[in-house]
Amino acid sequence: MTKEILQIESTNTKDFKNEILIGVREELKSFASSLHGSNEDQLLTREETAKMLSISLVTLWNWTRTDIIPAYRIGNKVRYKKSEVLTALKQMNKFSS
């Protein structure tokens, strides 16, 4: 195991503390943006999905049963991947050639 030594010169404690805080903030922002970047893989409830599509729960259930929109059962709850809902919506909105 090698030991690394960090030597700090020509800085006061206040400046050093601020530099550390700036680095930590940047890392936290990067981490937060990576979490938001996976927003499309977010799982939605039936209510959230129906609201996003502006449809009723009955219509959502029919679309789920006919495999228009894929759903996932987690325990006794049904969830939808936001990215898959958006993809299904795009497929539905394509005009027939």
PDB file of N, CA and C in Angstrom:
ATOM      1  N   MET A   1       0.848  -1.169   0.000  1.00  0.00           N
ATOM      2  CA  MET A   1       0.000   0.000   0.000  1.00  0.00           C
ATOM      3  C   MET A   1       0.896   1.236   0.000  1.00  0.00           C
ATOM      4  N   THR A   2       0.715   2.081  -1.003  1.00  0.00           N
ATOM      5  CA  THR A   2       1.543   3.283  -1.080  1.00  0.00           C
ATOM      6  C   THR A   2       0.836   4.435  -0.397  1.00  0.00           C
ATOM      7  N   LYS A   3       1.640   5.281   0.143  1.00  0.00           N
ATOM      8  CA  LYS A   3       1.120   6.431   0.862  1.00  0.00           C
ATOM      9  C   LYS A   3       1.302   7.672  -0.001  1.00  0.00           C
ATOM     10  N   GLU A   4       0.220   8.413  -0.228  1.00  0.00           N
ATOM     11  CA  GLU A   4       0.310   9.630  -1.012  1.00  0.00           C
ATOM     12  C   GLU A   4       0.339  10.822  -0.073  1.00  0.00           C
ATOM     13  N   ILE A   5       1.171  11.766  -0.411  1.00  0.00           N
ATOM     14  CA  ILE A   5       1.311  12.958   0.422  1.00  0.00           C
ATOM     15  C   ILE A   5       0.853  14.156  -0.389  1.00  0.00           C
ATOM     16  N   LEU A   6       0.020  14.965   0.218  1.00  0.00           N
ATOM     17  CA  LEU A   6      -0.465  16.187  -0.406  1.00  0.00           C
ATOM     18  C   LEU A   6       0.124  17.357   0.354  1.00  0.00           C
ATOM     19  N   GLN A   7       0.824  18.214  -0.354  1.00  0.00           N
ATOM     20  CA  GLN A   7       1.446  19.363   0.277  1.00  0.00           C
ATOM     21  C   GLN A   7       0.773  20.623  -0.259  1.00  0.00           C
ATOM     22  N   ILE A   8       0.273  21.447   0.631  1.00  0.00           N
ATOM     23  CA  ILE A   8      -0.428  22.664   0.243  1.00  0.00           C
ATOM     24  C   ILE A   8       0.383  23.862   0.716  1.00  0.00           C
ATOM     25  N   GLU A   9       0.664  24.722  -0.240  1.00  0.00           N
ATOM     26  CA  GLU A   9       1.436  25.921   0.087  1.00  0.00           C
ATOM     27  C   GLU A   9       0.729  27.146  -0.448  1.00  0.00           C
ATOM     28  N   SER A  10       0.984  28.249   0.125  1.00  0.00           N
ATOM     29  CA  SER A  10       0.494  29.557  -0.328  1.00  0.00           C
ATOM     30  C   SER A  10      -1.034  29.631  -0.402  1.00  0.00           C
ATOM     31  N   THR A  11      -1.703  29.053   0.558  1.00  0.00           N
ATOM     32  CA  THR A  11      -3.159  29.175   0.621  1.00  0.00           C
ATOM     33  C   THR A  11      -3.575  29.225   2.091  1.00  0.00           C
ATOM     34  N   ASN A  12      -4.654  29.935   2.335  1.00  0.00           N
ATOM     35  CA  ASN A  12      -5.131  29.976   3.714  1.00  0.00           C
ATOM     36  C   ASN A  12      -6.271  28.973   3.883  1.00  0.00           C
ATOM     37  N   THR A  13      -6.662  28.739   5.105  1.00  0.00           N
ATOM     38  CA  THR A  13      -7.677  27.716   5.379  1.00  0.00           C
ATOM     39  C   THR A  13      -9.021  28.050   4.733  1.00  0.00           C
ATOM     40  N   LYS A  14      -9.377  29.324   4.689  1.00  0.00           N
ATOM     41  CA  LYS A  14     -10.654  29.717   4.098  1.00  0.00           C
ATOM     42  C   LYS A  14     -10.685  29.396   2.593  1.00  0.00           C
ATOM     43  N   ASP A  15      -9.619  29.736   1.875  1.00  0.00           N
ATOM     44  CA  ASP A  15      -9.543  29.441   0.443  1.00  0.00           C
ATOM     45  C   ASP A  15      -9.533  27.938   0.192  1.00  0.00           C
ATOM     46  N   PHE A  16      -8.809  27.210   1.025  1.00  0.00           N
ATOM     47  CA  PHE A  16      -8.743  25.759   0.891  1.00  0.00           C
ATOM     48  C   PHE A  16     -10.124  25.140   1.093  1.00  0.00           C
ATOM     49  N   LYS A  17     -10.825  25.601   2.107  1.00  0.00           N
ATOM     50  CA  LYS A  17     -12.175  25.109   2.389  1.00  0.00           C
ATOM     51  C   LYS A  17     -13.096  25.405   1.211  1.00  0.00           C
ATOM     52  N   ASN A  18     -13.030  26.602   0.653  1.00  0.00           N
ATOM     53  CA  ASN A  18     -13.874  26.968  -0.485  1.00  0.00           C
ATOM     54  C   ASN A  18     -13.588  26.103  -1.712  1.00  0.00           C
ATOM     55  N   GLU A  19     -12.327  25.796  -1.958  1.00  0.00           N
ATOM     56  CA  GLU A  19     -11.965  24.932  -3.087  1.00  0.00           C
ATOM     57  C   GLU A  19     -12.555  23.531  -2.914  1.00  0.00           C
ATOM     58  N   ILE A  20     -12.493  23.021  -1.706  1.00  0.00           N
ATOM     59  CA  ILE A  20     -13.073  21.705  -1.429  1.00  0.00           C
ATOM     60  C   ILE A  20     -14.582  21.746  -1.635  1.00  0.00           C
ATOM     61  N   LEU A  21     -15.243  22.782  -1.130  1.00  0.00           N
ATOM     62  CA  LEU A  21     -16.692  22.904  -1.289  1.00  0.00           C
ATOM     63  C   LEU A  21     -17.086  23.003  -2.759  1.00  0.00           C
ATOM     64  N   ILE A  22     -16.333  23.748  -3.546  1.00  0.00           N
ATOM     65  CA  ILE A  22     -16.618  23.865  -4.976  1.00  0.00           C
ATOM     66  C   ILE A  22     -16.522  22.492  -5.650  1.00  0.00           C
ATOM     67  N   GLY A  23     -15.483  21.750  -5.319  1.00  0.00           N
ATOM     68  CA  GLY A  23     -15.316  20.405  -5.879  1.00  0.00           C
ATOM     69  C   GLY A  23     -16.438  19.472  -5.484  1.00  0.00           C
ATOM     70  N   VAL A  24     -16.845  19.521  -4.238  1.00  0.00           N
ATOM     71  CA  VAL A  24     -17.936  18.661  -3.756  1.00  0.00           C
ATOM     72  C   VAL A  24     -19.239  19.041  -4.453  1.00  0.00           C
ATOM     73  N   ARG A  25     -19.519  20.333  -4.598  1.00  0.00           N
ATOM     74  CA  ARG A  25     -20.738  20.779  -5.282  1.00  0.00           C
ATOM     75  C   ARG A  25     -20.770  20.288  -6.727  1.00  0.00           C
ATOM     76  N   GLU A  26     -19.636  20.394  -7.419  1.00  0.00           N
ATOM     77  CA  GLU A  26     -19.572  19.933  -8.807  1.00  0.00           C
ATOM     78  C   GLU A  26     -19.848  18.438  -8.904  1.00  0.00           C
ATOM     79  N   GLU A  27     -19.284  17.678  -7.993  1.00  0.00           N
ATOM     80  CA  GLU A  27     -19.524  16.236  -7.989  1.00  0.00           C
ATOM     81  C   GLU A  27     -20.992  15.916  -7.701  1.00  0.00           C
ATOM     82  N   LEU A  28     -21.591  16.638  -6.760  1.00  0.00           N
ATOM     83  CA  LEU A  28     -23.003  16.414  -6.441  1.00  0.00           C
ATOM     84  C   LEU A  28     -23.905  16.780  -7.614  1.00  0.00           C
ATOM     85  N   LYS A  29     -23.590  17.879  -8.307  1.00  0.00           N
ATOM     86  CA  LYS A  29     -24.365  18.263  -9.490  1.00  0.00           C
ATOM     87  C   LYS A  29     -24.249  17.204 -10.575  1.00  0.00           C
ATOM     88  N   SER A  30     -23.054  16.693 -10.766  1.00  0.00           N
ATOM     89  CA  SER A  30     -22.829  15.642 -11.753  1.00  0.00           C
ATOM     90  C   SER A  30     -23.625  14.386 -11.392  1.00  0.00           C
ATOM     91  N   PHE A  31     -23.602  14.031 -10.133  1.00  0.00           N
ATOM     92  CA  PHE A  31     -24.350  12.864  -9.668  1.00  0.00           C
ATOM     93  C   PHE A  31     -25.847  13.069  -9.849  1.00  0.00           C
ATOM     94  N   ALA A  32     -26.345  14.260  -9.496  1.00  0.00           N
ATOM     95  CA  ALA A  32     -27.774  14.555  -9.629  1.00  0.00           C
ATOM     96  C   ALA A  32     -28.199  14.526 -11.088  1.00  0.00           C
ATOM     97  N   SER A  33     -27.369  15.068 -11.973  1.00  0.00           N
ATOM     98  CA  SER A  33     -27.739  15.061 -13.393  1.00  0.00           C
ATOM     99  C   SER A  33     -27.728  13.646 -13.946  1.00  0.00           C
ATOM    100  N   SER A  34     -26.860  12.785 -13.439  1.00  0.00           N
ATOM    101  CA  SER A  34     -26.872  11.391 -13.896  1.00  0.00           C
ATOM    102  C   SER A  34     -28.139  10.681 -13.434  1.00  0.00           C
ATOM    103  N   LEU A  35     -28.658  11.065 -12.288  1.00  0.00           N
ATOM    104  CA  LEU A  35     -29.918  10.484 -11.826  1.00  0.00           C
ATOM    105  C   LEU A  35     -31.077  10.962 -12.683  1.00  0.00           C
ATOM    106  N   HIS A  36     -31.068  12.253 -13.033  1.00  0.00           N
ATOM    107  CA  HIS A  36     -32.132  12.804 -13.860  1.00  0.00           C
ATOM    108  C   HIS A  36     -32.012  12.329 -15.293  1.00  0.00           C
ATOM    109  N   GLY A  37     -30.820  11.998 -15.726  1.00  0.00           N
ATOM    110  CA  GLY A  37     -30.626  11.499 -17.079  1.00  0.00           C
ATOM    111  C   GLY A  37     -31.340  10.181 -17.292  1.00  0.00           C
ATOM    112  N   SER A  38     -31.490   9.386 -16.246  1.00  0.00           N
ATOM    113  CA  SER A  38     -32.201   8.117 -16.355  1.00  0.00           C
ATOM    114  C   SER A  38     -33.688   8.279 -16.083  1.00  0.00           C
ATOM    115  N   ASN A  39     -34.161   9.511 -16.195  1.00  0.00           N
ATOM    116  CA  ASN A  39     -35.560   9.825 -15.934  1.00  0.00           C
ATOM    117  C   ASN A  39     -36.503   9.048 -16.836  1.00  0.00           C
ATOM    118  N   GLU A  40     -36.076   8.757 -18.075  1.00  0.00           N
ATOM    119  CA  GLU A  40     -36.957   8.044 -18.992  1.00  0.00           C
ATOM    120  C   GLU A  40     -37.126   6.586 -18.594  1.00  0.00           C
ATOM    121  N   ASP A  41     -36.256   6.051 -17.764  1.00  0.00           N
ATOM    122  CA  ASP A  41     -36.424   4.684 -17.279  1.00  0.00           C
ATOM    123  C   ASP A  41     -37.185   4.656 -15.968  1.00  0.00           C
ATOM    124  N   GLN A  42     -37.749   5.786 -15.619  1.00  0.00           N
ATOM    125  CA  GLN A  42     -38.536   5.909 -14.400  1.00  0.00           C
ATOM    126  C   GLN A  42     -39.797   5.052 -14.519  1.00  0.00           C
ATOM    127  N   LEU A  43     -40.172   4.414 -13.430  1.00  0.00           N
ATOM    128  CA  LEU A  43     -41.397   3.624 -13.405  1.00  0.00           C
ATOM    129  C   LEU A  43     -42.561   4.518 -12.999  1.00  0.00           C
ATOM    130  N   LEU A  44     -43.634   4.427 -13.762  1.00  0.00           N
ATOM    131  CA  LEU A  44     -44.823   5.237 -13.515  1.00  0.00           C
ATOM    132  C   LEU A  44     -45.960   4.359 -13.015  1.00  0.00           C
ATOM    133  N   THR A  45     -46.800   4.926 -12.177  1.00  0.00           N
ATOM    134  CA  THR A  45     -48.005   4.219 -11.738  1.00  0.00           C
ATOM    135  C   THR A  45     -49.037   4.261 -12.862  1.00  0.00           C
ATOM    136  N   ARG A  46     -50.109   3.537 -12.708  1.00  0.00           N
ATOM    137  CA  ARG A  46     -51.191   3.568 -13.695  1.00  0.00           C
ATOM    138  C   ARG A  46     -51.754   4.975 -13.815  1.00  0.00           C
ATOM    139  N   GLU A  47     -51.939   5.620 -12.671  1.00  0.00           N
ATOM    140  CA  GLU A  47     -52.517   6.967 -12.663  1.00  0.00           C
ATOM    141  C   GLU A  47     -51.595   7.970 -13.360  1.00  0.00           C
ATOM    142  N   GLU A  48     -50.287   7.885 -13.060  1.00  0.00           N
ATOM    143  CA  GLU A  48     -49.327   8.793 -13.682  1.00  0.00           C
ATOM    144  C   GLU A  48     -49.261   8.584 -15.197  1.00  0.00           C
ATOM    145  N   THR A  49     -49.311   7.316 -15.611  1.00  0.00           N
ATOM    146  CA  THR A  49     -49.249   6.996 -17.040  1.00  0.00           C
ATOM    147  C   THR A  49     -50.493   7.501 -17.762  1.00  0.00           C
ATOM    148  N   ALA A  50     -51.665   7.256 -17.172  1.00  0.00           N
ATOM    149  CA  ALA A  50     -52.913   7.720 -17.786  1.00  0.00           C
ATOM    150  C   ALA A  50     -52.933   9.236 -17.877  1.00  0.00           C
ATOM    151  N   LYS A  51     -52.466   9.899 -16.842  1.00  0.00           N
ATOM    152  CA  LYS A  51     -52.435  11.363 -16.851  1.00  0.00           C
ATOM    153  C   LYS A  51     -51.468  11.875 -17.912  1.00  0.00           C
ATOM    154  N   MET A  52     -50.296  11.240 -18.027  1.00  0.00           N
ATOM    155  CA  MET A  52     -49.305  11.653 -19.019  1.00  0.00           C
ATOM    156  C   MET A  52     -49.865  11.515 -20.437  1.00  0.00           C
ATOM    157  N   LEU A  53     -50.648  10.477 -20.674  1.00  0.00           N
ATOM    158  CA  LEU A  53     -51.213  10.226 -21.998  1.00  0.00           C
ATOM    159  C   LEU A  53     -52.575  10.903 -22.196  1.00  0.00           C
ATOM    160  N   SER A  54     -53.105  11.481 -21.138  1.00  0.00           N
ATOM    161  CA  SER A  54     -54.440  12.115 -21.162  1.00  0.00           C
ATOM    162  C   SER A  54     -55.514  11.121 -21.594  1.00  0.00           C
ATOM    163  N   ILE A  55     -55.466   9.949 -20.975  1.00  0.00           N
ATOM    164  CA  ILE A  55     -56.462   8.909 -21.239  1.00  0.00           C
ATOM    165  C   ILE A  55     -57.018   8.417 -19.907  1.00  0.00           C
ATOM    166  N   SER A  56     -58.103   7.671 -19.985  1.00  0.00           N
ATOM    167  CA  SER A  56     -58.685   7.120 -18.763  1.00  0.00           C
ATOM    168  C   SER A  56     -57.933   5.853 -18.356  1.00  0.00           C
ATOM    169  N   LEU A  57     -58.166   5.432 -17.125  1.00  0.00           N
ATOM    170  CA  LEU A  57     -57.553   4.190 -16.640  1.00  0.00           C
ATOM    171  C   LEU A  57     -58.086   2.983 -17.411  1.00  0.00           C
ATOM    172  N   VAL A  58     -59.333   3.058 -17.837  1.00  0.00           N
ATOM    173  CA  VAL A  58     -59.921   1.966 -18.621  1.00  0.00           C
ATOM    174  C   VAL A  58     -59.203   1.838 -19.963  1.00  0.00           C
ATOM    175  N   THR A  59     -58.971   2.964 -20.630  1.00  0.00           N
ATOM    176  CA  THR A  59     -58.252   2.945 -21.904  1.00  0.00           C
ATOM    177  C   THR A  59     -56.833   2.426 -21.703  1.00  0.00           C
ATOM    178  N   LEU A  60     -56.178   2.875 -20.643  1.00  0.00           N
ATOM    179  CA  LEU A  60     -54.829   2.395 -20.354  1.00  0.00           C
ATOM    180  C   LEU A  60     -54.836   0.884 -20.151  1.00  0.00           C
ATOM    181  N   TRP A  61     -55.824   0.383 -19.433  1.00  0.00           N
ATOM    182  CA  TRP A  61     -55.920  -1.058 -19.203  1.00  0.00           C
ATOM    183  C   TRP A  61     -56.118  -1.800 -20.515  1.00  0.00           C
ATOM    184  N   ASN A  62     -56.961  -1.252 -21.404  1.00  0.00           N
ATOM    185  CA  ASN A  62     -57.181  -1.885 -22.711  1.00  0.00           C
ATOM    186  C   ASN A  62     -55.896  -1.896 -23.542  1.00  0.00           C
ATOM    187  N   TRP A  63     -55.175  -0.803 -23.533  1.00  0.00           N
ATOM    188  CA  TRP A  63     -53.924  -0.730 -24.281  1.00  0.00           C
ATOM    189  C   TRP A  63     -52.883  -1.677 -23.693  1.00  0.00           C
ATOM    190  N   THR A  64     -52.924  -1.877 -22.392  1.00  0.00           N
ATOM    191  CA  THR A  64     -52.001  -2.805 -21.750  1.00  0.00           C
ATOM    192  C   THR A  64     -52.351  -4.241 -22.128  1.00  0.00           C
ATOM    193  N   ARG A  65     -53.631  -4.560 -22.095  1.00  0.00           N
ATOM    194  CA  ARG A  65     -54.080  -5.926 -22.433  1.00  0.00           C
ATOM    195  C   ARG A  65     -53.781  -6.281 -23.884  1.00  0.00           C
ATOM    196  N   THR A  66     -53.853  -5.291 -24.766  1.00  0.00           N
ATOM    197  CA  THR A  66     -53.612  -5.549 -26.197  1.00  0.00           C
ATOM    198  C   THR A  66     -52.155  -5.299 -26.583  1.00  0.00           C
ATOM    199  N   ASP A  67     -51.285  -5.176 -25.598  1.00  0.00           N
ATOM    200  CA  ASP A  67     -49.833  -5.008 -25.794  1.00  0.00           C
ATOM    201  C   ASP A  67     -49.460  -3.770 -26.602  1.00  0.00           C
ATOM    202  N   ILE A  68     -50.274  -2.742 -26.532  1.00  0.00           N
ATOM    203  CA  ILE A  68     -49.903  -1.471 -27.149  1.00  0.00           C
ATOM    204  C   ILE A  68     -48.850  -0.799 -26.276  1.00  0.00           C
ATOM    205  N   ILE A  69     -49.044  -0.895 -24.973  1.00  0.00           N
ATOM    206  CA  ILE A  69     -48.087  -0.351 -24.007  1.00  0.00           C
ATOM    207  C   ILE A  69     -47.678  -1.480 -23.063  1.00  0.00           C
ATOM    208  N   PRO A  70     -46.359  -1.772 -22.983  1.00  0.00           N
ATOM    209  CA  PRO A  70     -45.914  -2.837 -22.069  1.00  0.00           C
ATOM    210  C   PRO A  70     -46.003  -2.390 -20.605  1.00  0.00           C
ATOM    211  N   ALA A  71     -46.343  -3.326 -19.767  1.00  0.00           N
ATOM    212  CA  ALA A  71     -46.472  -3.047 -18.336  1.00  0.00           C
ATOM    213  C   ALA A  71     -45.682  -4.080 -17.549  1.00  0.00           C
ATOM    214  N   TYR A  72     -45.373  -3.732 -16.322  1.00  0.00           N
ATOM    215  CA  TYR A  72     -44.618  -4.612 -15.426  1.00  0.00           C
ATOM    216  C   TYR A  72     -45.389  -4.760 -14.129  1.00  0.00           C
ATOM    217  N   ARG A  73     -45.516  -5.969 -13.688  1.00  0.00           N
ATOM    218  CA  ARG A  73     -46.181  -6.224 -12.413  1.00  0.00           C
ATOM    219  C   ARG A  73     -45.105  -6.362 -11.342  1.00  0.00           C
ATOM    220  N   ILE A  74     -45.228  -5.543 -10.325  1.00  0.00           N
ATOM    221  CA  ILE A  74     -44.324  -5.593  -9.182  1.00  0.00           C
ATOM    222  C   ILE A  74     -45.201  -5.863  -7.969  1.00  0.00           C
ATOM    223  N   GLY A  75     -45.165  -7.094  -7.516  1.00  0.00           N
ATOM    224  CA  GLY A  75     -46.084  -7.498  -6.453  1.00  0.00           C
ATOM    225  C   GLY A  75     -47.494  -7.462  -7.009  1.00  0.00           C
ATOM    226  N   ASN A  76     -48.364  -6.704  -6.369  1.00  0.00           N
ATOM    227  CA  ASN A  76     -49.726  -6.574  -6.876  1.00  0.00           C
ATOM    228  C   ASN A  76     -49.942  -5.232  -7.578  1.00  0.00           C
ATOM    229  N   LYS A  77     -48.857  -4.544  -7.908  1.00  0.00           N
ATOM    230  CA  LYS A  77     -48.951  -3.239  -8.545  1.00  0.00           C
ATOM    231  C   LYS A  77     -48.481  -3.322  -9.998  1.00  0.00           C
ATOM    232  N   VAL A  78     -49.069  -2.508 -10.853  1.00  0.00           N
ATOM    233  CA  VAL A  78     -48.683  -2.437 -12.259  1.00  0.00           C
ATOM    234  C   VAL A  78     -47.906  -1.142 -12.460  1.00  0.00           C
ATOM    235  N   ARG A  79     -46.769  -1.245 -13.145  1.00  0.00           N
ATOM    236  CA  ARG A  79     -45.942  -0.074 -13.423  1.00  0.00           C
ATOM    237  C   ARG A  79     -45.596  -0.044 -14.908  1.00  0.00           C
ATOM    238  N   TYR A  80     -45.308   1.158 -15.392  1.00  0.00           N
ATOM    239  CA  TYR A  80     -44.956   1.377 -16.785  1.00  0.00           C
ATOM    240  C   TYR A  80     -43.639   2.134 -16.840  1.00  0.00           C
ATOM    241  N   LYS A  81     -42.745   1.731 -17.763  1.00  0.00           N
ATOM    242  CA  LYS A  81     -41.504   2.471 -17.965  1.00  0.00           C
ATOM    243  C   LYS A  81     -41.818   3.681 -18.834  1.00  0.00           C
ATOM    244  N   LYS A  82     -41.412   4.836 -18.370  1.00  0.00           N
ATOM    245  CA  LYS A  82     -41.706   6.073 -19.087  1.00  0.00           C
ATOM    246  C   LYS A  82     -41.171   6.033 -20.519  1.00  0.00           C
ATOM    247  N   SER A  83     -39.964   5.523 -20.712  1.00  0.00           N
ATOM    248  CA  SER A  83     -39.369   5.459 -22.049  1.00  0.00           C
ATOM    249  C   SER A  83     -40.194   4.577 -22.976  1.00  0.00           C
ATOM    250  N   GLU A  84     -40.718   3.466 -22.456  1.00  0.00           N
ATOM    251  CA  GLU A  84     -41.519   2.559 -23.279  1.00  0.00           C
ATOM    252  C   GLU A  84     -42.880   3.160 -23.601  1.00  0.00           C
ATOM    253  N   VAL A  85     -43.433   3.916 -22.665  1.00  0.00           N
ATOM    254  CA  VAL A  85     -44.710   4.592 -22.913  1.00  0.00           C
ATOM    255  C   VAL A  85     -44.528   5.624 -24.024  1.00  0.00           C
ATOM    256  N   LEU A  86     -43.437   6.391 -23.965  1.00  0.00           N
ATOM    257  CA  LEU A  86     -43.170   7.399 -24.994  1.00  0.00           C
ATOM    258  C   LEU A  86     -42.931   6.748 -26.353  1.00  0.00           C
ATOM    259  N   THR A  87     -42.229   5.624 -26.373  1.00  0.00           N
ATOM    260  CA  THR A  87     -41.995   4.900 -27.625  1.00  0.00           C
ATOM    261  C   THR A  87     -43.312   4.380 -28.201  1.00  0.00           C
ATOM    262  N   ALA A  88     -44.159   3.824 -27.354  1.00  0.00           N
ATOM    263  CA  ALA A  88     -45.458   3.320 -27.803  1.00  0.00           C
ATOM    264  C   ALA A  88     -46.312   4.459 -28.352  1.00  0.00           C
ATOM    265  N   LEU A  89     -46.249   5.604 -27.691  1.00  0.00           N
ATOM    266  CA  LEU A  89     -47.005   6.765 -28.148  1.00  0.00           C
ATOM    267  C   LEU A  89     -46.533   7.203 -29.532  1.00  0.00           C
ATOM    268  N   LYS A  90     -45.229   7.203 -29.763  1.00  0.00           N
ATOM    269  CA  LYS A  90     -44.689   7.560 -31.076  1.00  0.00           C
ATOM    270  C   LYS A  90     -45.154   6.565 -32.135  1.00  0.00           C
ATOM    271  N   GLN A  91     -45.169   5.275 -31.788  1.00  0.00           N
ATOM    272  CA  GLN A  91     -45.620   4.251 -32.728  1.00  0.00           C
ATOM    273  C   GLN A  91     -47.091   4.441 -33.091  1.00  0.00           C
ATOM    274  N   MET A  92     -47.886   4.825 -32.103  1.00  0.00           N
ATOM    275  CA  MET A  92     -49.319   5.026 -32.334  1.00  0.00           C
ATOM    276  C   MET A  92     -49.561   6.236 -33.213  1.00  0.00           C
ATOM    277  N   ASN A  93     -48.692   7.226 -33.158  1.00  0.00           N
ATOM    278  CA  ASN A  93     -48.895   8.467 -33.885  1.00  0.00           C
ATOM    279  C   ASN A  93     -48.309   8.465 -35.285  1.00  0.00           C
ATOM    280  N   LYS A  94     -47.694   7.362 -35.701  1.00  0.00           N
ATOM    281  CA  LYS A  94     -47.174   7.281 -37.061  1.00  0.00           C
ATOM    282  C   LYS A  94     -48.338   7.134 -38.022  1.00  0.00           C
ATOM    283  N   PHE A  95     -48.264   7.873 -39.104  1.00  0.00           N
ATOM    284  CA  PHE A  95     -49.306   7.776 -40.119  1.00  0.00           C
ATOM    285  C   PHE A  95     -49.067   6.531 -40.977  1.00  0.00           C
ATOM    286  N   SER A  96     -50.138   5.886 -41.344  1.00  0.00           N
ATOM    287  CA  SER A  96     -50.022   4.715 -42.214  1.00  0.00           C
ATOM    288  C   SER A  96     -49.617   5.155 -43.609  1.00  0.00           C
ATOM    289  N   SER A  97     -48.722   4.414 -44.256  1.00  0.00           N
ATOM    290  CA  SER A  97     -48.286   4.762 -45.604  1.00  0.00           C
ATOM    291  C   SER A  97     -49.219   4.182 -46.628  1.00  0.00           C
TER     292      SER A  97
END
